[in-house]
Amino acid sequence: MTKTFTLLGILIILGACSPGHIAANNGTDRWAHVGCHIVTNSPSKTGEYAIHPLGDLAVGDRLYFKQKNKDGTVGPVTTGVPCLD
């Protein structure tokens, strides 16, 4: 059981060093629910990353939250398209 928690802790720490997390940590820490989206590219042409707590999302993964801008607004999702289901 201890090995499981140790491994989980290591994965979380390593995930925080992913390119998407580094970019996210340079901004604000507020998030908004944007509904289900399928990741089509990460990073996007505008430099946004699709991330989750353990690292970057891969093409085909689903995302549900987007980081708010410093002024509290939420821009469009540029890393994916809305889910159909």
PDB file of N, CA and C in Angstrom:
ATOM      1  N   MET A   1       0.828  -1.193   0.000  1.00  0.00           N
ATOM      2  CA  MET A   1       0.000   0.000   0.000  1.00  0.00           C
ATOM      3  C   MET A   1       0.871   1.256   0.000  1.00  0.00           C
ATOM      4  N   THR A   2       1.946   1.236   0.775  1.00  0.00           N
ATOM      5  CA  THR A   2       2.843   2.383   0.833  1.00  0.00           C
ATOM      6  C   THR A   2       3.503   2.618  -0.523  1.00  0.00           C
ATOM      7  N   LYS A   3       3.850   1.539  -1.224  1.00  0.00           N
ATOM      8  CA  LYS A   3       4.470   1.683  -2.543  1.00  0.00           C
ATOM      9  C   LYS A   3       3.511   2.359  -3.524  1.00  0.00           C
ATOM     10  N   THR A   4       2.235   2.037  -3.414  1.00  0.00           N
ATOM     11  CA  THR A   4       1.233   2.644  -4.294  1.00  0.00           C
ATOM     12  C   THR A   4       1.168   4.143  -4.076  1.00  0.00           C
ATOM     13  N   PHE A   5       1.113   4.578  -2.805  1.00  0.00           N
ATOM     14  CA  PHE A   5       1.049   6.006  -2.500  1.00  0.00           C
ATOM     15  C   PHE A   5       2.337   6.715  -2.912  1.00  0.00           C
ATOM     16  N   THR A   6       3.470   6.057  -2.737  1.00  0.00           N
ATOM     17  CA  THR A   6       4.743   6.641  -3.150  1.00  0.00           C
ATOM     18  C   THR A   6       4.775   6.835  -4.660  1.00  0.00           C
ATOM     19  N   LEU A   7       4.356   5.820  -5.404  1.00  0.00           N
ATOM     20  CA  LEU A   7       4.324   5.911  -6.864  1.00  0.00           C
ATOM     21  C   LEU A   7       3.360   6.999  -7.318  1.00  0.00           C
ATOM     22  N   LEU A   8       2.195   7.079  -6.693  1.00  0.00           N
ATOM     23  CA  LEU A   8       1.228   8.117  -7.036  1.00  0.00           C
ATOM     24  C   LEU A   8       1.808   9.502  -6.778  1.00  0.00           C
ATOM     25  N   GLY A   9       2.491   9.683  -5.657  1.00  0.00           N
ATOM     26  CA  GLY A   9       3.127  10.966  -5.340  1.00  0.00           C
ATOM     27  C   GLY A   9       4.182  11.343  -6.366  1.00  0.00           C
ATOM     28  N   ILE A  10       4.979  10.384  -6.779  1.00  0.00           N
ATOM     29  CA  ILE A  10       6.016  10.637  -7.786  1.00  0.00           C
ATOM     30  C   ILE A  10       5.387  11.044  -9.115  1.00  0.00           C
ATOM     31  N   LEU A  11       4.311  10.370  -9.519  1.00  0.00           N
ATOM     32  CA  LEU A  11       3.639  10.712 -10.774  1.00  0.00           C
ATOM     33  C   LEU A  11       3.064  12.124 -10.737  1.00  0.00           C
ATOM     34  N   ILE A  12       2.503  12.520  -9.619  1.00  0.00           N
ATOM     35  CA  ILE A  12       1.944  13.866  -9.499  1.00  0.00           C
ATOM     36  C   ILE A  12       3.055  14.908  -9.576  1.00  0.00           C
ATOM     37  N   ILE A  13       4.152  14.662  -8.897  1.00  0.00           N
ATOM     38  CA  ILE A  13       5.275  15.603  -8.927  1.00  0.00           C
ATOM     39  C   ILE A  13       5.853  15.712 -10.338  1.00  0.00           C
ATOM     40  N   LEU A  14       6.047  14.587 -11.011  1.00  0.00           N
ATOM     41  CA  LEU A  14       6.585  14.615 -12.371  1.00  0.00           C
ATOM     42  C   LEU A  14       5.606  15.259 -13.347  1.00  0.00           C
ATOM     43  N   GLY A  15       4.315  15.036 -13.151  1.00  0.00           N
ATOM     44  CA  GLY A  15       3.307  15.640 -14.012  1.00  0.00           C
ATOM     45  C   GLY A  15       3.319  17.151 -13.911  1.00  0.00           C
ATOM     46  N   ALA A  16       3.672  17.674 -12.753  1.00  0.00           N
ATOM     47  CA  ALA A  16       3.717  19.126 -12.561  1.00  0.00           C
ATOM     48  C   ALA A  16       4.868  19.763 -13.334  1.00  0.00           C
ATOM     49  N   CYS A  17       5.755  18.954 -13.897  1.00  0.00           N
ATOM     50  CA  CYS A  17       6.889  19.475 -14.660  1.00  0.00           C
ATOM     51  C   CYS A  17       6.645  19.390 -16.167  1.00  0.00           C
ATOM     52  N   SER A  18       5.444  19.008 -16.589  1.00  0.00           N
ATOM     53  CA  SER A  18       5.155  18.890 -18.015  1.00  0.00           C
ATOM     54  C   SER A  18       5.093  20.278 -18.650  1.00  0.00           C
ATOM     55  N   PRO A  19       5.288  20.376 -19.958  1.00  0.00           N
ATOM     56  CA  PRO A  19       5.233  21.688 -20.616  1.00  0.00           C
ATOM     57  C   PRO A  19       3.922  22.433 -20.377  1.00  0.00           C
ATOM     58  N   GLY A  20       2.814  21.701 -20.378  1.00  0.00           N
ATOM     59  CA  GLY A  20       1.525  22.338 -20.150  1.00  0.00           C
ATOM     60  C   GLY A  20       1.396  22.906 -18.750  1.00  0.00           C
ATOM     61  N   HIS A  21       1.882  22.186 -17.755  1.00  0.00           N
ATOM     62  CA  HIS A  21       1.819  22.677 -16.380  1.00  0.00           C
ATOM     63  C   HIS A  21       2.744  23.867 -16.168  1.00  0.00           C
ATOM     64  N   ILE A  22       3.884  23.862 -16.796  1.00  0.00           N
ATOM     65  CA  ILE A  22       4.792  25.003 -16.680  1.00  0.00           C
ATOM     66  C   ILE A  22       4.124  26.245 -17.251  1.00  0.00           C
ATOM     67  N   ALA A  23       3.474  26.109 -18.416  1.00  0.00           N
ATOM     68  CA  ALA A  23       2.768  27.243 -19.010  1.00  0.00           C
ATOM     69  C   ALA A  23       1.592  27.672 -18.143  1.00  0.00           C
ATOM     70  N   ALA A  24       0.853  26.726 -17.598  1.00  0.00           N
ATOM     71  CA  ALA A  24      -0.315  27.058 -16.765  1.00  0.00           C
ATOM     72  C   ALA A  24       0.092  27.764 -15.487  1.00  0.00           C
ATOM     73  N   ASN A  25       1.205  27.386 -14.918  1.00  0.00           N
ATOM     74  CA  ASN A  25       1.639  27.984 -13.661  1.00  0.00           C
ATOM     75  C   ASN A  25       2.172  29.399 -13.833  1.00  0.00           C
ATOM     76  N   ASN A  26       2.393  29.827 -15.068  1.00  0.00           N
ATOM     77  CA  ASN A  26       2.834  31.200 -15.311  1.00  0.00           C
ATOM     78  C   ASN A  26       1.659  32.167 -15.331  1.00  0.00           C
ATOM     79  N   GLY A  27       0.457  31.648 -15.300  1.00  0.00           N
ATOM     80  CA  GLY A  27      -0.738  32.497 -15.341  1.00  0.00           C
ATOM     81  C   GLY A  27      -1.482  32.471 -14.022  1.00  0.00           C
ATOM     82  N   THR A  28      -2.772  32.396 -14.123  1.00  0.00           N
ATOM     83  CA  THR A  28      -3.642  32.398 -12.956  1.00  0.00           C
ATOM     84  C   THR A  28      -3.979  30.967 -12.554  1.00  0.00           C
ATOM     85  N   ASP A  29      -4.496  30.793 -11.357  1.00  0.00           N
ATOM     86  CA  ASP A  29      -4.822  29.447 -10.902  1.00  0.00           C
ATOM     87  C   ASP A  29      -6.323  29.209 -10.856  1.00  0.00           C
ATOM     88  N   ARG A  30      -7.091  30.007 -11.580  1.00  0.00           N
ATOM     89  CA  ARG A  30      -8.542  29.847 -11.588  1.00  0.00           C
ATOM     90  C   ARG A  30      -8.969  29.096 -12.849  1.00  0.00           C
ATOM     91  N   TRP A  31      -9.925  28.189 -12.685  1.00  0.00           N
ATOM     92  CA  TRP A  31     -10.368  27.345 -13.791  1.00  0.00           C
ATOM     93  C   TRP A  31     -11.876  27.471 -13.988  1.00  0.00           C
ATOM     94  N   ALA A  32     -12.362  27.275 -15.210  1.00  0.00           N
ATOM     95  CA  ALA A  32     -13.781  27.334 -15.524  1.00  0.00           C
ATOM     96  C   ALA A  32     -14.178  26.069 -16.292  1.00  0.00           C
ATOM     97  N   HIS A  33     -15.376  25.564 -15.997  1.00  0.00           N
ATOM     98  CA  HIS A  33     -15.895  24.397 -16.707  1.00  0.00           C
ATOM     99  C   HIS A  33     -16.314  24.834 -18.111  1.00  0.00           C
ATOM    100  N   VAL A  34     -15.809  24.152 -19.136  1.00  0.00           N
ATOM    101  CA  VAL A  34     -16.123  24.499 -20.524  1.00  0.00           C
ATOM    102  C   VAL A  34     -16.868  23.379 -21.237  1.00  0.00           C
ATOM    103  N   GLY A  35     -17.265  22.359 -20.510  1.00  0.00           N
ATOM    104  CA  GLY A  35     -17.939  21.221 -21.125  1.00  0.00           C
ATOM    105  C   GLY A  35     -16.933  20.245 -21.705  1.00  0.00           C
ATOM    106  N   CYS A  36     -17.424  19.167 -22.244  1.00  0.00           N
ATOM    107  CA  CYS A  36     -16.560  18.118 -22.789  1.00  0.00           C
ATOM    108  C   CYS A  36     -15.982  18.533 -24.136  1.00  0.00           C
ATOM    109  N   HIS A  37     -14.673  18.404 -24.277  1.00  0.00           N
ATOM    110  CA  HIS A  37     -13.967  18.652 -25.541  1.00  0.00           C
ATOM    111  C   HIS A  37     -12.974  17.513 -25.779  1.00  0.00           C
ATOM    112  N   ILE A  38     -12.825  17.097 -27.023  1.00  0.00           N
ATOM    113  CA  ILE A  38     -11.833  16.095 -27.427  1.00  0.00           C
ATOM    114  C   ILE A  38     -10.582  16.842 -27.870  1.00  0.00           C
ATOM    115  N   VAL A  39      -9.438  16.488 -27.290  1.00  0.00           N
ATOM    116  CA  VAL A  39      -8.180  17.150 -27.636  1.00  0.00           C
ATOM    117  C   VAL A  39      -7.790  16.786 -29.070  1.00  0.00           C
ATOM    118  N   THR A  40      -7.535  17.807 -29.886  1.00  0.00           N
ATOM    119  CA  THR A  40      -7.102  17.595 -31.275  1.00  0.00           C
ATOM    120  C   THR A  40      -5.663  18.032 -31.497  1.00  0.00           C
ATOM    121  N   ASN A  41      -5.163  18.926 -30.636  1.00  0.00           N
ATOM    122  CA  ASN A  41      -3.765  19.365 -30.720  1.00  0.00           C
ATOM    123  C   ASN A  41      -3.361  20.009 -29.405  1.00  0.00           C
ATOM    124  N   SER A  42      -2.148  19.744 -28.993  1.00  0.00           N
ATOM    125  CA  SER A  42      -1.618  20.341 -27.761  1.00  0.00           C
ATOM    126  C   SER A  42      -0.105  20.352 -27.861  1.00  0.00           C
ATOM    127  N   PRO A  43       0.503  21.524 -27.926  1.00  0.00           N
ATOM    128  CA  PRO A  43      -0.090  22.843 -27.796  1.00  0.00           C
ATOM    129  C   PRO A  43      -0.818  23.256 -29.072  1.00  0.00           C
ATOM    130  N   SER A  44      -1.718  24.232 -28.903  1.00  0.00           N
ATOM    131  CA  SER A  44      -2.455  24.765 -30.053  1.00  0.00           C
ATOM    132  C   SER A  44      -1.589  25.786 -30.779  1.00  0.00           C
ATOM    133  N   LYS A  45      -2.086  26.299 -31.895  1.00  0.00           N
ATOM    134  CA  LYS A  45      -1.344  27.316 -32.657  1.00  0.00           C
ATOM    135  C   LYS A  45      -1.125  28.589 -31.846  1.00  0.00           C
ATOM    136  N   THR A  46      -2.003  28.827 -30.862  1.00  0.00           N
ATOM    137  CA  THR A  46      -1.871  30.016 -30.018  1.00  0.00           C
ATOM    138  C   THR A  46      -1.036  29.750 -28.768  1.00  0.00           C
ATOM    139  N   GLY A  47      -0.495  28.533 -28.633  1.00  0.00           N
ATOM    140  CA  GLY A  47       0.399  28.218 -27.529  1.00  0.00           C
ATOM    141  C   GLY A  47      -0.271  27.656 -26.288  1.00  0.00           C
ATOM    142  N   GLU A  48      -1.554  27.335 -26.352  1.00  0.00           N
ATOM    143  CA  GLU A  48      -2.248  26.764 -25.202  1.00  0.00           C
ATOM    144  C   GLU A  48      -2.049  25.258 -25.159  1.00  0.00           C
ATOM    145  N   TYR A  49      -1.982  24.705 -23.939  1.00  0.00           N
ATOM    146  CA  TYR A  49      -1.804  23.275 -23.730  1.00  0.00           C
ATOM    147  C   TYR A  49      -3.061  22.673 -23.120  1.00  0.00           C
ATOM    148  N   ALA A  50      -3.337  21.411 -23.434  1.00  0.00           N
ATOM    149  CA  ALA A  50      -4.390  20.639 -22.781  1.00  0.00           C
ATOM    150  C   ALA A  50      -3.701  19.808 -21.701  1.00  0.00           C
ATOM    151  N   ILE A  51      -4.078  20.037 -20.433  1.00  0.00           N
ATOM    152  CA  ILE A  51      -3.392  19.358 -19.323  1.00  0.00           C
ATOM    153  C   ILE A  51      -4.388  18.711 -18.365  1.00  0.00           C
ATOM    154  N   HIS A  52      -3.878  17.804 -17.531  1.00  0.00           N
ATOM    155  CA  HIS A  52      -4.611  17.228 -16.411  1.00  0.00           C
ATOM    156  C   HIS A  52      -3.642  17.177 -15.233  1.00  0.00           C
ATOM    157  N   PRO A  53      -4.084  16.777 -14.045  1.00  0.00           N
ATOM    158  CA  PRO A  53      -3.206  16.842 -12.870  1.00  0.00           C
ATOM    159  C   PRO A  53      -1.894  16.063 -12.975  1.00  0.00           C
ATOM    160  N   LEU A  54      -1.825  15.050 -13.821  1.00  0.00           N
ATOM    161  CA  LEU A  54      -0.606  14.250 -13.918  1.00  0.00           C
ATOM    162  C   LEU A  54       0.247  14.567 -15.144  1.00  0.00           C
ATOM    163  N   GLY A  55      -0.108  15.577 -15.909  1.00  0.00           N
ATOM    164  CA  GLY A  55       0.696  15.934 -17.076  1.00  0.00           C
ATOM    165  C   GLY A  55      -0.143  16.451 -18.223  1.00  0.00           C
ATOM    166  N   ASP A  56       0.399  16.382 -19.420  1.00  0.00           N
ATOM    167  CA  ASP A  56      -0.296  16.870 -20.604  1.00  0.00           C
ATOM    168  C   ASP A  56      -1.288  15.822 -21.110  1.00  0.00           C
ATOM    169  N   LEU A  57      -2.407  16.279 -21.671  1.00  0.00           N
ATOM    170  CA  LEU A  57      -3.360  15.383 -22.309  1.00  0.00           C
ATOM    171  C   LEU A  57      -2.878  15.037 -23.710  1.00  0.00           C
ATOM    172  N   ALA A  58      -3.217  13.851 -24.177  1.00  0.00           N
ATOM    173  CA  ALA A  58      -2.842  13.402 -25.520  1.00  0.00           C
ATOM    174  C   ALA A  58      -4.006  13.658 -26.481  1.00  0.00           C
ATOM    175  N   VAL A  59      -3.712  13.679 -27.757  1.00  0.00           N
ATOM    176  CA  VAL A  59      -4.752  13.808 -28.768  1.00  0.00           C
ATOM    177  C   VAL A  59      -5.748  12.662 -28.568  1.00  0.00           C
ATOM    178  N   GLY A  60      -7.033  12.999 -28.545  1.00  0.00           N
ATOM    179  CA  GLY A  60      -8.083  12.006 -28.328  1.00  0.00           C
ATOM    180  C   GLY A  60      -8.610  11.981 -26.901  1.00  0.00           C
ATOM    181  N   ASP A  61      -7.851  12.528 -25.943  1.00  0.00           N
ATOM    182  CA  ASP A  61      -8.318  12.609 -24.556  1.00  0.00           C
ATOM    183  C   ASP A  61      -9.408  13.668 -24.455  1.00  0.00           C
ATOM    184  N   ARG A  62     -10.135  13.657 -23.353  1.00  0.00           N
ATOM    185  CA  ARG A  62     -11.199  14.634 -23.121  1.00  0.00           C
ATOM    186  C   ARG A  62     -10.753  15.654 -22.089  1.00  0.00           C
ATOM    187  N   LEU A  63     -11.153  16.895 -22.301  1.00  0.00           N
ATOM    188  CA  LEU A  63     -10.906  17.938 -21.304  1.00  0.00           C
ATOM    189  C   LEU A  63     -12.223  18.605 -20.971  1.00  0.00           C
ATOM    190  N   TYR A  64     -12.329  19.123 -19.745  1.00  0.00           N
ATOM    191  CA  TYR A  64     -13.577  19.708 -19.268  1.00  0.00           C
ATOM    192  C   TYR A  64     -13.397  21.102 -18.670  1.00  0.00           C
ATOM    193  N   PHE A  65     -12.178  21.492 -18.366  1.00  0.00           N
ATOM    194  CA  PHE A  65     -11.923  22.778 -17.730  1.00  0.00           C
ATOM    195  C   PHE A  65     -10.888  23.570 -18.520  1.00  0.00           C
ATOM    196  N   LYS A  66     -10.999  24.886 -18.458  1.00  0.00           N
ATOM    197  CA  LYS A  66     -10.042  25.786 -19.110  1.00  0.00           C
ATOM    198  C   LYS A  66      -9.633  26.844 -18.106  1.00  0.00           C
ATOM    199  N   GLN A  67      -8.381  27.207 -18.131  1.00  0.00           N
ATOM    200  CA  GLN A  67      -7.877  28.217 -17.216  1.00  0.00           C
ATOM    201  C   GLN A  67      -8.414  29.593 -17.593  1.00  0.00           C
ATOM    202  N   LYS A  68      -8.840  30.349 -16.603  1.00  0.00           N
ATOM    203  CA  LYS A  68      -9.338  31.707 -16.844  1.00  0.00           C
ATOM    204  C   LYS A  68      -8.172  32.649 -17.106  1.00  0.00           C
ATOM    205  N   ASN A  69      -8.436  33.700 -17.866  1.00  0.00           N
ATOM    206  CA  ASN A  69      -7.447  34.751 -18.081  1.00  0.00           C
ATOM    207  C   ASN A  69      -7.281  35.547 -16.802  1.00  0.00           C
ATOM    208  N   LYS A  70      -6.241  36.344 -16.728  1.00  0.00           N
ATOM    209  CA  LYS A  70      -5.988  37.134 -15.524  1.00  0.00           C
ATOM    210  C   LYS A  70      -7.136  38.074 -15.185  1.00  0.00           C
ATOM    211  N   ASP A  71      -7.895  38.496 -16.207  1.00  0.00           N
ATOM    212  CA  ASP A  71      -9.040  39.382 -15.949  1.00  0.00           C
ATOM    213  C   ASP A  71     -10.324  38.610 -15.631  1.00  0.00           C
ATOM    214  N   GLY A  72     -10.236  37.277 -15.527  1.00  0.00           N
ATOM    215  CA  GLY A  72     -11.380  36.447 -15.164  1.00  0.00           C
ATOM    216  C   GLY A  72     -12.205  35.937 -16.324  1.00  0.00           C
ATOM    217  N   THR A  73     -11.888  36.341 -17.546  1.00  0.00           N
ATOM    218  CA  THR A  73     -12.625  35.863 -18.719  1.00  0.00           C
ATOM    219  C   THR A  73     -12.103  34.499 -19.150  1.00  0.00           C
ATOM    220  N   VAL A  74     -12.896  33.813 -19.951  1.00  0.00           N
ATOM    221  CA  VAL A  74     -12.506  32.508 -20.475  1.00  0.00           C
ATOM    222  C   VAL A  74     -12.579  32.562 -21.991  1.00  0.00           C
ATOM    223  N   GLY A  75     -11.461  32.321 -22.638  1.00  0.00           N
ATOM    224  CA  GLY A  75     -11.419  32.329 -24.095  1.00  0.00           C
ATOM    225  C   GLY A  75     -11.902  31.016 -24.670  1.00  0.00           C
ATOM    226  N   PRO A  76     -11.924  30.896 -25.973  1.00  0.00           N
ATOM    227  CA  PRO A  76     -12.363  29.658 -26.616  1.00  0.00           C
ATOM    228  C   PRO A  76     -11.353  28.527 -26.400  1.00  0.00           C
ATOM    229  N   VAL A  77     -11.844  27.297 -26.475  1.00  0.00           N
ATOM    230  CA  VAL A  77     -10.959  26.133 -26.379  1.00  0.00           C
ATOM    231  C   VAL A  77     -10.256  25.989 -27.723  1.00  0.00           C
ATOM    232  N   THR A  78      -8.941  26.120 -27.730  1.00  0.00           N
ATOM    233  CA  THR A  78      -8.168  26.041 -28.979  1.00  0.00           C
ATOM    234  C   THR A  78      -7.434  24.724 -29.130  1.00  0.00           C
ATOM    235  N   THR A  79      -7.540  23.847 -28.127  1.00  0.00           N
ATOM    236  CA  THR A  79      -6.834  22.578 -28.177  1.00  0.00           C
ATOM    237  C   THR A  79      -7.744  21.406 -28.526  1.00  0.00           C
ATOM    238  N   GLY A  80      -9.031  21.674 -28.753  1.00  0.00           N
ATOM    239  CA  GLY A  80      -9.942  20.576 -29.051  1.00  0.00           C
ATOM    240  C   GLY A  80     -11.262  21.022 -29.633  1.00  0.00           C
ATOM    241  N   VAL A  81     -12.116  20.049 -29.865  1.00  0.00           N
ATOM    242  CA  VAL A  81     -13.458  20.287 -30.417  1.00  0.00           C
ATOM    243  C   VAL A  81     -14.469  19.716 -29.445  1.00  0.00           C
ATOM    244  N   PRO A  82     -15.702  20.258 -29.416  1.00  0.00           N
ATOM    245  CA  PRO A  82     -16.727  19.743 -28.507  1.00  0.00           C
ATOM    246  C   PRO A  82     -17.018  18.262 -28.747  1.00  0.00           C
ATOM    247  N   CYS A  83     -17.294  17.533 -27.654  1.00  0.00           N
ATOM    248  CA  CYS A  83     -17.695  16.128 -27.739  1.00  0.00           C
ATOM    249  C   CYS A  83     -19.079  16.039 -28.369  1.00  0.00           C
ATOM    250  N   LEU A  84     -19.329  14.972 -29.087  1.00  0.00           N
ATOM    251  CA  LEU A  84     -20.633  14.796 -29.717  1.00  0.00           C
ATOM    252  C   LEU A  84     -21.591  14.014 -28.830  1.00  0.00           C
ATOM    253  N   ASP A  85     -21.089  13.319 -27.829  1.00  0.00           N
ATOM    254  CA  ASP A  85     -21.974  12.519 -26.974  1.00  0.00           C
ATOM    255  C   ASP A  85     -22.246  13.157 -25.651  1.00  0.00           C
TER     256      ASP A  85
END
